[in-house]
Amino acid sequence: MISPHADSVFCRVQLPSGAARHAAVDGAVLRVLDAAPWAGGRPTGQTLPLPGARLLAPSEPKNILCLANAYAGKEKDPSKTIRWFAKTASAAAADHDAVELPDIVDQLKSEVEVVVVVGARLKHATESDAHAAIFGYTVGNEIFGFPEAFKRRWGEDIDRPEPMLAAGLKLGDKFSPFGPFIHRGTAWPQARRTLRINNPRTGKSLEYQGTTQGFLYSPEQTLAQLSRVLTLEPGDVVFTGSTAALLLDRGDSVVAEIEGLGTLHNTIV
């Protein structure tokens, strides 16, 4: 079994045969495992060079959950408990995946977020249970459609209240890229978050800088509360929210980076 320690790093990789396998990262070498690391995966003896490897999303989540208003300062009167929404499993995407701009909207938005990776089944969990069930952390790029973009596209009234539309527009395929690496023990709570969007064709260049300070709810509180609503399974992921979103257009390249957790690249097509 892989022993967790401060510098443990894991990923999923596509083998030359086309099969997908979990791997432990050992410098510039990937040590292929016979199962997911949270399921006791052991090295098979097969290795691959990290440079040039096709890295996949580092887990295959059944549940992709996202927090809203999770940072201090976004709300004058923040709630005492978490607020969340869900995306479908089809929203999972990997580093360097292309994300399609659906033709029902004229723009998307993007946020850079710390992602919690669940390593054990959780239901009605205590915070202590949740702490033990956190396998690690990775970088997430939460992409979503928004009502104004939908209404512009269809010539609808921008000011009409739409309580359901915003949630529905978050459900696009590959709208939740995360990875490429899961880190265990990384000291990320005061890390720098960076989101860059560029489009050489149009000259567009946007950048957001923030930190991971200001969480209203710890990952343990978050998982414990979520487990009272649904069962969290190994490999599930929780996007922990952001403080700013940048606009995305077709042709944009997006780079989401969190200090200590890595960098995630995607394009909008």
Protein backbone atom coordinates (compact mmCIF):
# COMPACT_ATOMS: atom_id res chain seq x y z
CA MET A 1 0.00 0.00 0.00
CA ILE A 2 1.19 3.52 -0.75
CA SER A 3 1.93 5.28 2.55
CA PRO A 4 0.62 8.87 2.78
CA HIS A 5 3.19 11.49 3.67
CA ALA A 6 3.74 15.18 3.10
CA ASP A 7 5.12 14.89 -0.42
CA SER A 8 2.91 12.09 -1.77
CA VAL A 9 1.65 12.95 -5.25
CA PHE A 10 -0.67 10.84 -7.42
CA CYS A 11 -2.27 11.00 -10.86
CA ARG A 12 -4.09 8.93 -13.47
CA VAL A 13 -2.32 8.24 -16.73
CA GLN A 14 -3.18 6.71 -20.07
CA LEU A 15 -0.88 3.76 -20.77
CA PRO A 16 0.54 3.05 -24.24
CA SER A 17 -2.12 0.31 -24.51
CA GLY A 18 -4.83 2.96 -24.05
CA ALA A 19 -5.83 1.73 -20.59
CA ALA A 20 -6.16 4.22 -17.73
CA ARG A 21 -4.26 3.57 -14.50
CA HIS A 22 -3.49 5.40 -11.29
CA ALA A 23 0.17 6.18 -10.63
CA ALA A 24 2.43 7.54 -7.93
CA VAL A 25 4.62 10.45 -9.01
CA ASP A 26 8.29 9.93 -8.20
CA GLY A 27 10.15 12.93 -9.58
CA ALA A 28 10.03 12.59 -13.36
CA VAL A 29 8.83 8.97 -13.18
CA LEU A 30 5.29 7.62 -12.88
CA ARG A 31 5.03 4.34 -10.94
CA VAL A 32 1.87 2.60 -12.15
CA LEU A 33 -0.44 1.21 -9.45
CA ASP A 34 -2.79 -1.77 -9.60
CA ALA A 35 -5.68 0.22 -8.07
CA ALA A 36 -6.55 3.70 -6.87
CA PRO A 37 -4.20 4.83 -4.10
CA TRP A 38 -7.14 5.35 -1.71
CA ALA A 39 -8.10 1.70 -2.39
CA GLY A 40 -4.68 0.37 -1.40
CA GLY A 41 -3.11 0.50 -4.85
CA ARG A 42 0.34 -1.11 -5.05
CA PRO A 43 3.11 -0.49 -7.59
CA THR A 44 2.94 -2.94 -10.48
CA GLY A 45 6.58 -2.48 -11.43
CA GLN A 46 5.61 -0.66 -14.62
CA THR A 47 6.98 2.86 -14.95
CA LEU A 48 6.45 5.69 -17.40
CA PRO A 49 8.29 8.97 -17.91
CA LEU A 50 6.25 11.90 -16.65
CA PRO A 51 7.33 14.22 -19.51
CA GLY A 52 5.01 13.55 -22.41
CA ALA A 53 2.60 11.35 -20.45
CA ARG A 54 -1.13 11.73 -21.16
CA LEU A 55 -2.50 12.66 -17.75
CA LEU A 56 -6.20 12.10 -17.12
CA ALA A 57 -8.47 13.54 -14.45
CA PRO A 58 -6.91 12.07 -11.28
CA SER A 59 -10.15 10.41 -10.15
CA GLU A 60 -13.44 9.29 -11.66
CA PRO A 61 -15.99 10.99 -9.42
CA LYS A 62 -19.57 9.85 -9.07
CA ASN A 63 -20.34 13.16 -7.41
CA ILE A 64 -18.91 16.58 -8.29
CA LEU A 65 -20.00 19.09 -5.66
CA CYS A 66 -19.29 22.81 -5.64
CA LEU A 67 -19.51 25.41 -2.88
CA ALA A 68 -21.03 28.86 -3.29
CA ASN A 69 -20.25 31.92 -1.16
CA ALA A 70 -17.58 29.93 0.66
CA TYR A 71 -15.12 32.79 1.29
CA ALA A 72 -15.31 35.56 3.85
CA GLY A 73 -16.07 38.93 2.28
CA LYS A 74 -18.35 37.75 -0.51
CA GLU A 75 -21.45 38.14 1.66
CA LYS A 76 -22.20 40.84 4.24
CA ASP A 77 -24.12 38.31 6.32
CA PRO A 78 -22.64 34.88 5.52
CA SER A 79 -24.61 31.75 6.27
CA LYS A 80 -23.67 29.55 9.23
CA THR A 81 -23.66 26.44 7.05
CA ILE A 82 -22.42 25.60 3.57
CA ARG A 83 -24.27 26.34 0.35
CA TRP A 84 -23.59 23.97 -2.53
CA PHE A 85 -24.71 22.68 -5.90
CA ALA A 86 -23.93 19.54 -7.87
CA LYS A 87 -22.62 18.83 -11.33
CA THR A 88 -22.98 15.57 -13.22
CA ALA A 89 -20.10 13.10 -13.61
CA SER A 90 -19.85 14.16 -17.27
CA ALA A 91 -18.49 17.52 -16.07
CA ALA A 92 -15.17 15.90 -15.10
CA ALA A 93 -12.27 16.86 -17.37
CA ALA A 94 -8.49 16.63 -17.41
CA ASP A 95 -5.52 18.88 -17.87
CA HIS A 96 -5.30 20.07 -21.51
CA ASP A 97 -8.85 18.93 -22.31
CA ALA A 98 -10.84 21.15 -24.67
CA VAL A 99 -14.14 22.42 -23.25
CA GLU A 100 -16.99 23.12 -25.65
CA LEU A 101 -18.84 26.42 -25.48
CA PRO A 102 -22.48 25.30 -25.82
CA ASP A 103 -24.41 27.11 -28.50
CA ILE A 104 -27.14 28.04 -25.99
CA VAL A 105 -24.88 30.73 -24.43
CA ASP A 106 -22.54 33.34 -25.89
CA GLN A 107 -19.99 33.26 -23.03
CA LEU A 108 -18.92 31.18 -20.04
CA LYS A 109 -17.23 32.02 -16.74
CA SER A 110 -14.24 30.41 -15.01
CA GLU A 111 -13.00 30.22 -11.41
CA VAL A 112 -9.82 28.74 -9.92
CA GLU A 113 -10.56 26.61 -6.86
CA VAL A 114 -9.00 24.20 -4.39
CA VAL A 115 -10.57 20.77 -4.91
CA VAL A 116 -10.93 18.22 -2.11
CA VAL A 117 -10.57 14.58 -3.21
CA VAL A 118 -12.53 12.10 -1.09
CA GLY A 119 -10.73 8.85 -0.26
CA ALA A 120 -13.33 6.93 1.78
CA ARG A 121 -17.09 6.45 1.88
CA LEU A 122 -18.83 9.07 4.04
CA LYS A 123 -22.39 9.19 5.32
CA HIS A 124 -23.56 11.08 8.42
CA ALA A 125 -19.90 11.80 9.11
CA THR A 126 -18.36 13.71 11.98
CA GLU A 127 -15.64 16.24 11.24
CA SER A 128 -13.14 13.69 12.55
CA ASP A 129 -14.49 11.11 10.10
CA ALA A 130 -14.28 13.67 7.31
CA HIS A 131 -10.68 14.55 8.17
CA ALA A 132 -9.70 10.89 7.91
CA ALA A 133 -11.57 10.55 4.60
CA ILE A 134 -9.82 13.42 2.80
CA PHE A 135 -7.35 11.78 0.46
CA GLY A 136 -5.78 14.97 -0.85
CA TYR A 137 -6.18 18.18 -2.80
CA THR A 138 -5.84 19.34 -6.38
CA VAL A 139 -6.52 22.31 -8.66
CA GLY A 140 -9.96 22.91 -10.13
CA ASN A 141 -11.22 25.14 -12.92
CA GLU A 142 -14.94 25.59 -12.35
CA ILE A 143 -16.53 26.57 -15.65
CA PHE A 144 -20.17 27.56 -15.89
CA GLY A 145 -22.78 29.22 -18.02
CA PHE A 146 -24.79 32.09 -16.56
CA PRO A 147 -28.30 33.47 -17.17
CA GLU A 148 -27.28 36.76 -18.84
CA ALA A 149 -25.28 34.86 -21.48
CA PHE A 150 -28.23 32.55 -22.13
CA LYS A 151 -30.74 35.39 -22.40
CA ARG A 152 -28.53 37.43 -24.73
CA ARG A 153 -28.20 34.41 -26.99
CA TRP A 154 -31.96 33.92 -27.17
CA GLY A 155 -33.10 37.55 -27.00
CA GLU A 156 -34.90 37.09 -23.68
CA ASP A 157 -35.53 39.62 -20.90
CA ILE A 158 -32.22 40.03 -19.01
CA ASP A 159 -33.97 41.24 -15.85
CA ARG A 160 -36.48 38.41 -15.52
CA PRO A 161 -35.82 36.38 -12.32
CA GLU A 162 -34.63 32.85 -13.11
CA PRO A 163 -34.13 30.77 -9.93
CA MET A 164 -33.55 27.51 -11.83
CA LEU A 165 -31.66 28.67 -14.90
CA ALA A 166 -28.34 29.45 -13.19
CA ALA A 167 -28.05 25.95 -11.72
CA GLY A 168 -28.94 24.30 -15.01
CA LEU A 169 -26.31 26.27 -16.96
CA LYS A 170 -23.55 24.89 -14.70
CA LEU A 171 -24.08 21.34 -15.96
CA GLY A 172 -22.09 21.35 -19.20
CA ASP A 173 -19.90 18.46 -20.27
CA LYS A 174 -16.29 18.94 -19.09
CA PHE A 175 -17.27 22.04 -17.09
CA SER A 176 -15.20 20.85 -14.09
CA PRO A 177 -11.59 20.21 -15.10
CA PHE A 178 -9.40 19.18 -12.15
CA GLY A 179 -5.89 17.85 -11.63
CA PRO A 180 -3.55 16.86 -12.98
CA PHE A 181 -2.04 15.78 -9.61
CA ILE A 182 -3.49 14.96 -6.20
CA HIS A 183 -1.25 16.19 -3.40
CA ARG A 184 -1.29 14.83 0.14
CA GLY A 185 -0.17 16.98 3.06
CA THR A 186 0.46 20.12 1.00
CA ALA A 187 0.24 23.32 3.05
CA TRP A 188 -2.22 25.10 0.75
CA PRO A 189 -4.44 27.13 3.16
CA GLN A 190 -2.49 30.35 2.54
CA ALA A 191 -1.51 29.59 -1.04
CA ARG A 192 -1.70 31.96 -4.00
CA ARG A 193 -4.43 31.31 -6.59
CA THR A 194 -3.98 32.51 -10.16
CA LEU A 195 -6.33 32.39 -13.13
CA ARG A 196 -5.11 33.52 -16.56
CA ILE A 197 -7.14 33.70 -19.74
CA ASN A 198 -5.54 34.48 -23.09
CA ASN A 199 -6.58 34.49 -26.71
CA PRO A 200 -3.74 35.29 -29.13
CA ARG A 201 -6.19 35.70 -32.01
CA THR A 202 -8.16 38.49 -30.32
CA GLY A 203 -5.42 39.88 -28.08
CA LYS A 204 -7.50 39.10 -24.99
CA SER A 205 -5.51 38.86 -21.75
CA LEU A 206 -7.12 38.58 -18.30
CA GLU A 207 -5.63 37.65 -14.94
CA TYR A 208 -7.01 37.15 -11.45
CA GLN A 209 -4.81 36.83 -8.36
CA GLY A 210 -6.11 35.73 -4.99
CA THR A 211 -5.24 33.44 -2.10
CA THR A 212 -6.80 30.47 -0.36
CA GLN A 213 -7.23 32.49 2.83
CA GLY A 214 -10.72 33.32 3.97
CA PHE A 215 -12.48 29.95 3.86
CA LEU A 216 -15.68 30.20 5.89
CA TYR A 217 -15.88 26.42 6.27
CA SER A 218 -13.03 23.94 6.64
CA PRO A 219 -12.88 20.95 4.28
CA GLU A 220 -13.82 18.76 7.25
CA GLN A 221 -16.92 20.84 8.00
CA THR A 222 -17.84 20.82 4.34
CA LEU A 223 -17.60 17.05 3.89
CA ALA A 224 -19.38 16.36 7.16
CA GLN A 225 -22.30 18.58 6.17
CA LEU A 226 -22.49 17.20 2.63
CA SER A 227 -22.52 13.64 4.01
CA ARG A 228 -25.77 14.43 5.80
CA VAL A 229 -27.41 14.94 2.43
CA LEU A 230 -25.79 12.31 0.22
CA THR A 231 -23.24 9.52 0.43
CA LEU A 232 -19.77 10.62 -0.63
CA GLU A 233 -17.76 7.91 -2.38
CA PRO A 234 -13.99 7.45 -2.89
CA GLY A 235 -12.88 9.55 -5.83
CA ASP A 236 -15.63 12.14 -5.41
CA VAL A 237 -14.50 15.77 -5.56
CA VAL A 238 -15.60 18.99 -3.90
CA PHE A 239 -14.78 22.35 -5.51
CA THR A 240 -14.41 24.74 -2.57
CA GLY A 241 -15.41 28.01 -4.21
CA SER A 242 -13.70 31.21 -5.30
CA THR A 243 -13.80 34.98 -4.92
CA ALA A 244 -13.87 36.02 -8.58
CA ALA A 245 -14.87 34.70 -12.01
CA LEU A 246 -13.46 35.70 -15.40
CA LEU A 247 -15.33 35.66 -18.70
CA LEU A 248 -14.56 33.00 -21.30
CA ASP A 249 -15.06 33.20 -25.05
CA ARG A 250 -14.55 30.66 -27.81
CA GLY A 251 -10.84 30.24 -28.54
CA ASP A 252 -9.66 31.27 -25.07
CA SER A 253 -6.94 29.34 -23.27
CA VAL A 254 -7.35 29.05 -19.49
CA VAL A 255 -4.59 28.46 -16.94
CA ALA A 256 -5.64 27.78 -13.34
CA GLU A 257 -2.82 27.58 -10.80
CA ILE A 258 -2.63 27.12 -7.03
CA GLU A 259 0.69 27.39 -5.29
CA GLY A 260 1.77 23.97 -4.06
CA LEU A 261 -0.94 22.11 -5.98
CA GLY A 262 0.04 22.66 -9.60
CA THR A 263 -1.29 24.09 -12.84
CA LEU A 264 -4.26 23.15 -14.99
CA HIS A 265 -4.62 24.08 -18.68
CA ASN A 266 -7.78 24.04 -20.80
CA THR A 267 -9.09 25.61 -23.97
CA ILE A 268 -12.59 26.75 -24.96
CA VAL A 269 -13.66 25.47 -28.37
